[in-house]
Amino acid sequence: MAIIGILASLTLPALGRAKARASGIACVSNLKQLQLCWQMYVDDFQGRVPPNRSVFTNGVWRSTPDSWIGSSSAPYDTGFALVEQGLLFKYDYNRSVALYHCPADHSKGVHSNRLRTRSYSMNGNLGGRTNEVQNTVSRADAIPNPAKLLVFIDEAEDSIDDAHFLVWPNPDTRWVNLPAGRHGQTGTLSFADGHAEKWAWQWPKKFSPKRSYWKMVVSTKDLADLRKLQETTLVVSEFTPQK
């Protein structure tokens, strides 16, 4: 029995790491497929990016019905109906609701014991709200460096609500929305040129206890993570605002 216990203590951590790697690979695959859907929408709509706006209504942040994800609010959705109303699903760019959910995301709904239906959000620079401290574009040809611009990201379960991922630009030192680190403190992101990446975070990504709309960085490592993510967003000098 003692030998079995020792063996189990040696193998279980390895199994846990292997499981985290496997779910991370599946998460990257999901984002690559969503990124392809995004590009097909851009191609079909004369270069316009999918709308990514959201509103605060009845105490809940929700994406707008005309957005890429419909009127979704991840903590409050109890089924896939709103996801299916989103433009990427509605226009048949994909027919799998599983693409919108990270396999390692085990968070439950606020008023439900069911798994949430969505883990991913889209960069607010792309078709997002114009009344925020961010720059927005409505056309893909306004993106200066597609290989460096974030599109989809796996968002932390205590941060996600609407599908609009907001990053306040450098030199701000606050997280507004927080990326997930579900895969062994590793997150997943996709970019406007079509590729997706796994990023190892230097500091754990936890919002809780969430006391305000934003969260200050808590260490030099956390700040380094924020600065790295800020580099994947648009800055004023990189594009010409559109009418």
Protein backbone atom coordinates (compact mmCIF):
# COMPACT_ATOMS: atom_id res chain seq x y z
CA MET A 1 0.00 0.00 0.00
CA ALA A 2 2.83 2.36 0.83
CA ILE A 3 4.47 1.67 -2.54
CA ILE A 4 1.19 2.27 -4.35
CA GLY A 5 0.78 5.56 -2.50
CA ILE A 6 4.28 6.67 -3.48
CA LEU A 7 3.69 5.75 -7.11
CA ALA A 8 0.39 7.61 -7.13
CA SER A 9 2.04 10.73 -5.69
CA LEU A 10 4.59 10.60 -8.49
CA THR A 11 2.20 9.96 -11.38
CA LEU A 12 -0.78 12.19 -10.48
CA PRO A 13 1.09 15.51 -10.97
CA ALA A 14 2.37 14.26 -14.33
CA LEU A 15 -1.14 13.27 -15.35
CA GLY A 16 -2.41 16.68 -14.29
CA ARG A 17 0.20 18.42 -16.41
CA ALA A 18 -0.60 16.19 -19.39
CA LYS A 19 -4.30 16.96 -19.02
CA ALA A 20 -3.57 20.69 -18.89
CA ARG A 21 -1.46 20.44 -22.06
CA ALA A 22 -4.19 18.48 -23.87
CA SER A 23 -6.91 20.98 -22.96
CA GLY A 24 -4.58 23.80 -24.00
CA ILE A 25 -4.14 22.25 -27.44
CA ALA A 26 -7.93 21.95 -27.81
CA CYS A 27 -8.34 25.57 -26.71
CA VAL A 28 -5.85 26.78 -29.33
CA SER A 29 -7.72 24.74 -31.94
CA ASN A 30 -11.00 26.43 -30.95
CA LEU A 31 -9.47 29.87 -31.34
CA LYS A 32 -7.93 29.02 -34.71
CA GLN A 33 -11.35 27.95 -35.96
CA LEU A 34 -13.06 31.05 -34.55
CA GLN A 35 -10.35 33.15 -36.17
CA LEU A 36 -11.10 31.51 -39.52
CA CYS A 37 -14.80 32.36 -39.01
CA TRP A 38 -13.81 35.96 -38.31
CA GLN A 39 -11.78 36.12 -41.52
CA MET A 40 -14.59 34.63 -43.60
CA TYR A 41 -16.95 37.29 -42.24
CA VAL A 42 -14.42 40.01 -43.15
CA ASP A 43 -14.08 38.59 -46.68
CA ASP A 44 -17.85 38.37 -47.19
CA PHE A 45 -18.58 41.86 -45.86
CA GLN A 46 -16.12 43.87 -47.96
CA GLY A 47 -13.46 44.07 -45.28
CA ARG A 48 -15.66 45.06 -42.35
CA VAL A 49 -14.98 43.34 -39.03
CA PRO A 50 -17.82 41.73 -37.07
CA PRO A 51 -19.53 44.11 -34.62
CA ASN A 52 -18.31 43.67 -31.06
CA ARG A 53 -20.32 46.15 -29.04
CA SER A 54 -21.89 45.67 -25.62
CA VAL A 55 -24.20 47.47 -23.20
CA PHE A 56 -24.82 47.57 -19.45
CA THR A 57 -28.47 46.76 -18.90
CA ASN A 58 -30.37 45.63 -15.79
CA GLY A 59 -27.11 45.39 -13.89
CA VAL A 60 -25.50 43.02 -16.42
CA TRP A 61 -22.94 43.57 -19.19
CA ARG A 62 -24.20 41.95 -22.39
CA SER A 63 -23.04 42.02 -25.98
CA THR A 64 -25.52 43.64 -28.37
CA PRO A 65 -27.88 41.43 -30.40
CA ASP A 66 -26.16 42.47 -33.66
CA SER A 67 -22.70 41.40 -32.45
CA TRP A 68 -20.54 38.40 -33.37
CA ILE A 69 -21.89 36.55 -30.32
CA GLY A 70 -25.46 37.86 -29.98
CA SER A 71 -26.67 39.31 -26.67
CA SER A 72 -24.40 37.03 -24.67
CA SER A 73 -23.36 37.44 -21.04
CA ALA A 74 -21.32 34.38 -20.11
CA PRO A 75 -22.17 34.16 -16.39
CA TYR A 76 -25.91 34.45 -17.03
CA ASP A 77 -26.45 32.38 -20.20
CA THR A 78 -28.21 29.09 -19.48
CA GLY A 79 -28.04 27.66 -22.99
CA PHE A 80 -26.60 28.17 -26.45
CA ALA A 81 -29.51 30.12 -27.94
CA LEU A 82 -27.76 33.49 -27.66
CA VAL A 83 -24.50 32.12 -29.07
CA GLU A 84 -26.45 30.77 -32.04
CA GLN A 85 -27.87 34.28 -32.65
CA GLY A 86 -24.35 35.66 -33.01
CA LEU A 87 -23.21 36.57 -36.53
CA LEU A 88 -20.49 33.92 -36.82
CA PHE A 89 -22.95 31.12 -36.08
CA LYS A 90 -26.00 32.73 -37.66
CA TYR A 91 -24.28 33.12 -41.04
CA ASP A 92 -23.01 29.53 -41.02
CA TYR A 93 -19.33 30.29 -40.59
CA ASN A 94 -19.46 27.55 -37.98
CA ARG A 95 -22.13 25.15 -36.73
CA SER A 96 -20.44 23.98 -33.53
CA VAL A 97 -21.31 25.74 -30.29
CA ALA A 98 -18.47 23.79 -28.64
CA LEU A 99 -15.99 26.14 -30.34
CA TYR A 100 -17.00 28.92 -27.97
CA HIS A 101 -16.09 27.05 -24.78
CA CYS A 102 -12.66 26.15 -23.40
CA PRO A 103 -12.57 22.46 -22.36
CA ALA A 104 -10.79 23.43 -19.13
CA ASP A 105 -13.41 26.03 -18.17
CA HIS A 106 -15.48 24.41 -15.42
CA SER A 107 -17.19 27.59 -14.22
CA LYS A 108 -20.94 27.51 -13.67
CA GLY A 109 -23.62 30.07 -14.40
CA VAL A 110 -24.66 32.60 -11.75
CA HIS A 111 -28.19 31.24 -11.50
CA SER A 112 -27.50 27.75 -12.79
CA ASN A 113 -25.52 24.66 -11.91
CA ARG A 114 -24.73 24.14 -15.58
CA LEU A 115 -21.43 24.86 -17.26
CA ARG A 116 -21.20 28.22 -18.96
CA THR A 117 -21.59 28.26 -22.72
CA ARG A 118 -18.75 30.66 -23.56
CA SER A 119 -15.13 31.16 -22.48
CA TYR A 120 -13.83 33.46 -25.23
CA SER A 121 -14.07 37.17 -25.95
CA MET A 122 -12.97 39.47 -28.77
CA ASN A 123 -10.55 42.39 -28.62
CA GLY A 124 -12.50 45.62 -28.09
CA ASN A 125 -10.29 47.33 -30.70
CA LEU A 126 -12.25 45.44 -33.36
CA GLY A 127 -15.76 46.77 -33.90
CA GLY A 128 -15.99 47.57 -30.20
CA ARG A 129 -17.37 50.35 -28.04
CA THR A 130 -16.14 53.80 -29.00
CA ASN A 131 -16.83 55.42 -25.61
CA GLU A 132 -13.99 53.56 -23.86
CA VAL A 133 -10.30 54.36 -23.39
CA GLN A 134 -9.41 52.36 -26.48
CA ASN A 135 -9.02 52.72 -30.20
CA THR A 136 -11.46 50.94 -32.49
CA VAL A 137 -11.49 50.01 -36.16
CA SER A 138 -14.39 48.81 -38.27
CA ARG A 139 -12.35 47.54 -41.23
CA ALA A 140 -9.63 44.91 -41.35
CA ASP A 141 -7.51 46.98 -43.74
CA ALA A 142 -7.08 49.55 -40.95
CA ILE A 143 -5.08 47.03 -38.91
CA PRO A 144 -1.41 48.05 -39.18
CA ASN A 145 0.14 44.69 -38.24
CA PRO A 146 -2.32 41.76 -38.31
CA ALA A 147 0.25 39.30 -36.91
CA LYS A 148 0.49 41.39 -33.74
CA LEU A 149 -3.15 42.36 -33.18
CA LEU A 150 -5.19 40.28 -30.74
CA VAL A 151 -8.63 39.10 -31.92
CA PHE A 152 -9.90 36.30 -29.64
CA ILE A 153 -8.73 35.48 -26.13
CA ASP A 154 -9.59 32.92 -23.48
CA GLU A 155 -10.96 35.10 -20.65
CA ALA A 156 -10.77 34.36 -16.90
CA GLU A 157 -13.99 33.01 -15.42
CA ASP A 158 -14.15 35.79 -12.77
CA SER A 159 -13.70 38.45 -15.45
CA ILE A 160 -15.84 37.38 -18.40
CA ASP A 161 -19.31 38.83 -18.96
CA ASP A 162 -20.00 40.35 -22.40
CA ALA A 163 -17.74 39.31 -25.27
CA HIS A 164 -15.92 42.65 -25.49
CA PHE A 165 -12.36 42.26 -24.09
CA LEU A 166 -11.03 45.63 -22.99
CA VAL A 167 -7.34 46.44 -22.44
CA TRP A 168 -6.49 49.95 -21.29
CA PRO A 169 -3.31 51.07 -23.07
CA ASN A 170 0.18 51.56 -21.67
CA PRO A 171 1.10 53.30 -19.32
CA ASP A 172 -2.06 52.23 -17.42
CA THR A 173 -1.32 49.61 -14.77
CA ARG A 174 -4.83 48.18 -14.36
CA TRP A 175 -6.47 45.06 -15.71
CA VAL A 176 -9.99 45.74 -16.97
CA ASN A 177 -10.67 42.29 -18.39
CA LEU A 178 -8.40 39.47 -17.36
CA PRO A 179 -7.07 36.64 -19.56
CA ALA A 180 -7.47 33.06 -18.39
CA GLY A 181 -4.61 30.89 -17.19
CA ARG A 182 -6.49 27.61 -17.08
CA HIS A 183 -3.85 25.51 -18.79
CA GLY A 184 -1.13 25.43 -16.18
CA GLN A 185 -1.01 29.26 -15.89
CA THR A 186 -1.06 29.49 -19.68
CA GLY A 187 -3.53 31.44 -21.80
CA THR A 188 -4.60 31.22 -25.45
CA LEU A 189 -4.95 34.03 -27.97
CA SER A 190 -5.60 34.37 -31.72
CA PHE A 191 -4.40 37.12 -34.04
CA ALA A 192 -5.71 38.95 -37.09
CA ASP A 193 -3.36 37.13 -39.49
CA GLY A 194 -5.03 33.82 -38.56
CA HIS A 195 -2.58 32.22 -36.15
CA ALA A 196 -3.13 31.34 -32.49
CA GLU A 197 -0.67 31.08 -29.61
CA LYS A 198 -0.32 29.82 -26.06
CA TRP A 199 1.13 32.35 -23.63
CA ALA A 200 2.65 31.41 -20.27
CA TRP A 201 1.74 34.04 -17.69
CA GLN A 202 4.33 35.02 -15.12
CA TRP A 203 1.67 35.65 -12.47
CA PRO A 204 -1.64 33.84 -11.71
CA LYS A 205 -4.63 35.48 -13.38
CA LYS A 206 -7.34 35.79 -10.71
CA PHE A 207 -9.75 38.69 -10.41
CA SER A 208 -11.49 37.48 -7.26
CA PRO A 209 -12.48 38.90 -4.96
CA LYS A 210 -13.77 41.32 -7.59
CA ARG A 211 -14.50 44.63 -5.89
CA SER A 212 -14.50 47.03 -8.82
CA TYR A 213 -14.67 47.32 -12.60
CA TRP A 214 -10.88 47.03 -12.82
CA LYS A 215 -7.99 45.46 -10.90
CA MET A 216 -4.54 46.90 -10.20
CA VAL A 217 -1.53 44.78 -11.07
CA VAL A 218 -0.21 43.10 -7.94
CA SER A 219 3.45 42.44 -8.75
CA THR A 220 6.21 43.21 -11.24
CA LYS A 221 5.48 39.87 -12.93
CA ASP A 222 1.79 40.71 -13.22
CA LEU A 223 2.74 44.07 -14.72
CA ALA A 224 5.01 42.35 -17.24
CA ASP A 225 2.03 40.20 -18.32
CA LEU A 226 -0.13 43.31 -18.73
CA ARG A 227 2.53 45.12 -20.75
CA LYS A 228 2.88 42.10 -23.04
CA LEU A 229 -0.87 42.00 -23.66
CA GLN A 230 -1.03 45.77 -24.19
CA GLU A 231 1.41 45.30 -27.07
CA THR A 232 -1.26 43.23 -28.90
CA THR A 233 -3.69 46.16 -28.99
CA LEU A 234 -3.88 49.31 -31.10
CA VAL A 235 -2.22 52.54 -30.03
CA VAL A 236 -3.02 56.01 -31.35
CA SER A 237 0.10 56.32 -33.51
CA GLU A 238 -0.64 53.09 -35.38
CA PHE A 239 -3.82 53.93 -37.24
CA THR A 240 -5.99 56.73 -38.54
CA PRO A 241 -9.37 56.99 -36.79
CA GLN A 242 -12.25 56.22 -39.14
CA LYS A 243 -15.34 58.30 -39.77
